[in-house]
Amino acid sequence: MEIKIAKKEKDYIEIELHGEDVDIGFPNAIKEILLEDENVEFAACRHDHPLIAPPVLMVRVKEGSPVSALKSAIKKLRKQAVEFKELAKSAKKTKK
């Protein structure tokens, strides 16, 4: 995955997510975590047709930096992924 900053302001950032392995699931997961942050005013994903443009993640903050908010959201998502992986490993297989 490659990330390109399309627009950056004091309280706003737009990043494009490039690569064959990018789908709309990852930016949507980040968006949902961002929306839980009280300092985030707005978070959204835009995904035009995949042959035309990459997914774009947009973040506007009330306070702080949008980059800091993104970093925090990514850390939370990483933690959730690790927890899910551990739960999946420890899950009992159902008998048929």
C-alpha atoms as a PDB file:
ATOM      1  CA  MET A   1       0.000   0.000   0.000  1.00  0.00           C
ATOM      2  CA  GLU A   2       1.219   3.483  -0.822  1.00  0.00           C
ATOM      3  CA  ILE A   3      -0.157   6.628   0.799  1.00  0.00           C
ATOM      4  CA  LYS A   4      -0.185  10.004  -0.921  1.00  0.00           C
ATOM      5  CA  ILE A   5      -1.203  13.211   0.833  1.00  0.00           C
ATOM      6  CA  ALA A   6      -3.579  14.910  -1.590  1.00  0.00           C
ATOM      7  CA  LYS A   7      -4.376  17.913   0.607  1.00  0.00           C
ATOM      8  CA  LYS A   8      -3.084  19.048   3.978  1.00  0.00           C
ATOM      9  CA  GLU A   9      -4.148  21.983   6.115  1.00  0.00           C
ATOM     10  CA  LYS A  10      -3.809  22.782   9.810  1.00  0.00           C
ATOM     11  CA  ASP A  11      -7.032  20.970  10.710  1.00  0.00           C
ATOM     12  CA  TYR A  12      -7.719  18.878   7.594  1.00  0.00           C
ATOM     13  CA  ILE A  13      -6.040  16.148   5.582  1.00  0.00           C
ATOM     14  CA  GLU A  14      -6.941  14.056   2.536  1.00  0.00           C
ATOM     15  CA  ILE A  15      -4.929  10.953   1.811  1.00  0.00           C
ATOM     16  CA  GLU A  16      -5.104   8.684  -1.203  1.00  0.00           C
ATOM     17  CA  LEU A  17      -4.498   4.969  -0.714  1.00  0.00           C
ATOM     18  CA  HIS A  18      -2.783   3.378  -3.709  1.00  0.00           C
ATOM     19  CA  GLY A  19      -2.012  -0.253  -4.418  1.00  0.00           C
ATOM     20  CA  GLU A  20      -3.519  -3.477  -5.619  1.00  0.00           C
ATOM     21  CA  ASP A  21      -4.190  -4.609  -2.052  1.00  0.00           C
ATOM     22  CA  VAL A  22      -6.279  -1.549  -1.165  1.00  0.00           C
ATOM     23  CA  ASP A  23     -10.023  -1.939  -0.918  1.00  0.00           C
ATOM     24  CA  ILE A  24     -12.648   0.178   0.796  1.00  0.00           C
ATOM     25  CA  GLY A  25     -12.607  -1.929   3.987  1.00  0.00           C
ATOM     26  CA  PHE A  26      -9.384  -0.518   5.438  1.00  0.00           C
ATOM     27  CA  PRO A  27     -10.214   3.185   5.037  1.00  0.00           C
ATOM     28  CA  ASN A  28     -13.734   2.552   6.348  1.00  0.00           C
ATOM     29  CA  ALA A  29     -12.349   0.841   9.461  1.00  0.00           C
ATOM     30  CA  ILE A  30     -10.033   3.807  10.094  1.00  0.00           C
ATOM     31  CA  LYS A  31     -12.939   6.211   9.509  1.00  0.00           C
ATOM     32  CA  GLU A  32     -15.123   4.461  12.085  1.00  0.00           C
ATOM     33  CA  ILE A  33     -12.381   4.652  14.721  1.00  0.00           C
ATOM     34  CA  LEU A  34     -11.720   8.305  13.874  1.00  0.00           C
ATOM     35  CA  LEU A  35     -15.401   9.113  14.425  1.00  0.00           C
ATOM     36  CA  GLU A  36     -15.095   7.808  18.010  1.00  0.00           C
ATOM     37  CA  ASP A  37     -12.472  10.509  18.720  1.00  0.00           C
ATOM     38  CA  GLU A  38     -14.056  13.597  20.295  1.00  0.00           C
ATOM     39  CA  ASN A  39     -11.458  15.839  18.619  1.00  0.00           C
ATOM     40  CA  VAL A  40     -12.448  14.639  15.143  1.00  0.00           C
ATOM     41  CA  GLU A  41     -15.076  16.865  13.576  1.00  0.00           C
ATOM     42  CA  PHE A  42     -15.404  14.947  10.305  1.00  0.00           C
ATOM     43  CA  ALA A  43     -14.089  11.710   8.854  1.00  0.00           C
ATOM     44  CA  ALA A  44     -15.170  10.139   5.578  1.00  0.00           C
ATOM     45  CA  CYS A  45     -14.045   7.858   2.770  1.00  0.00           C
ATOM     46  CA  ARG A  46     -14.612   8.391  -0.901  1.00  0.00           C
ATOM     47  CA  HIS A  47     -14.126   5.566  -3.334  1.00  0.00           C
ATOM     48  CA  ASP A  48     -14.886   6.379  -6.916  1.00  0.00           C
ATOM     49  CA  HIS A  49     -14.629   3.627  -9.484  1.00  0.00           C
ATOM     50  CA  PRO A  50     -11.431   1.650  -8.740  1.00  0.00           C
ATOM     51  CA  LEU A  51     -10.207   1.988 -12.335  1.00  0.00           C
ATOM     52  CA  ILE A  52     -10.495   5.783 -12.161  1.00  0.00           C
ATOM     53  CA  ALA A  53      -9.243   6.822  -8.724  1.00  0.00           C
ATOM     54  CA  PRO A  54      -7.938   5.380  -5.447  1.00  0.00           C
ATOM     55  CA  PRO A  55      -9.886   5.491  -2.173  1.00  0.00           C
ATOM     56  CA  VAL A  56      -9.541   8.823  -0.352  1.00  0.00           C
ATOM     57  CA  LEU A  57      -9.712   9.237   3.423  1.00  0.00           C
ATOM     58  CA  MET A  58     -10.656  12.732   4.635  1.00  0.00           C
ATOM     59  CA  VAL A  59     -10.250  13.934   8.225  1.00  0.00           C
ATOM     60  CA  ARG A  60     -11.032  17.282   9.858  1.00  0.00           C
ATOM     61  CA  VAL A  61     -10.245  17.875  13.539  1.00  0.00           C
ATOM     62  CA  LYS A  62     -11.601  20.368  16.066  1.00  0.00           C
ATOM     63  CA  GLU A  63      -8.352  20.380  18.029  1.00  0.00           C
ATOM     64  CA  GLY A  64      -4.902  18.974  17.462  1.00  0.00           C
ATOM     65  CA  SER A  65      -3.521  17.602  14.252  1.00  0.00           C
ATOM     66  CA  PRO A  66      -5.325  15.387  11.723  1.00  0.00           C
ATOM     67  CA  VAL A  67      -2.100  13.387  11.357  1.00  0.00           C
ATOM     68  CA  SER A  68      -2.055  12.714  15.117  1.00  0.00           C
ATOM     69  CA  ALA A  69      -5.695  11.638  14.979  1.00  0.00           C
ATOM     70  CA  LEU A  70      -4.881   9.259  12.116  1.00  0.00           C
ATOM     71  CA  LYS A  71      -1.902   7.788  13.967  1.00  0.00           C
ATOM     72  CA  SER A  72      -4.042   7.213  17.043  1.00  0.00           C
ATOM     73  CA  ALA A  73      -6.793   5.546  14.990  1.00  0.00           C
ATOM     74  CA  ILE A  74      -4.262   3.281  13.262  1.00  0.00           C
ATOM     75  CA  LYS A  75      -2.841   2.206  16.635  1.00  0.00           C
ATOM     76  CA  LYS A  76      -6.353   1.354  17.844  1.00  0.00           C
ATOM     77  CA  LEU A  77      -7.108  -0.601  14.677  1.00  0.00           C
ATOM     78  CA  ARG A  78      -3.830  -2.505  14.994  1.00  0.00           C
ATOM     79  CA  LYS A  79      -4.693  -3.390  18.607  1.00  0.00           C
ATOM     80  CA  GLN A  80      -8.170  -4.559  17.571  1.00  0.00           C
ATOM     81  CA  ALA A  81      -6.671  -6.703  14.803  1.00  0.00           C
ATOM     82  CA  VAL A  82      -4.260  -8.369  17.250  1.00  0.00           C
ATOM     83  CA  GLU A  83      -7.081  -9.019  19.719  1.00  0.00           C
ATOM     84  CA  PHE A  84      -9.240 -10.494  16.954  1.00  0.00           C
ATOM     85  CA  LYS A  85      -6.391 -12.717  15.802  1.00  0.00           C
ATOM     86  CA  GLU A  86      -5.894 -14.029  19.344  1.00  0.00           C
ATOM     87  CA  LEU A  87      -9.626 -14.680  19.736  1.00  0.00           C
ATOM     88  CA  ALA A  88      -9.703 -16.515  16.429  1.00  0.00           C
ATOM     89  CA  LYS A  89      -6.759 -18.695  17.470  1.00  0.00           C
ATOM     90  CA  SER A  90      -8.347 -19.596  20.769  1.00  0.00           C
ATOM     91  CA  ALA A  91     -11.835 -20.194  19.394  1.00  0.00           C
ATOM     92  CA  LYS A  92     -13.021 -23.746  19.696  1.00  0.00           C
ATOM     93  CA  LYS A  93     -13.877 -25.506  16.506  1.00  0.00           C
ATOM     94  CA  THR A  94     -17.507 -26.519  16.317  1.00  0.00           C
ATOM     95  CA  LYS A  95     -18.265 -30.169  15.902  1.00  0.00           C
ATOM     96  CA  LYS A  96     -20.462 -31.297  13.064  1.00  0.00           C
END
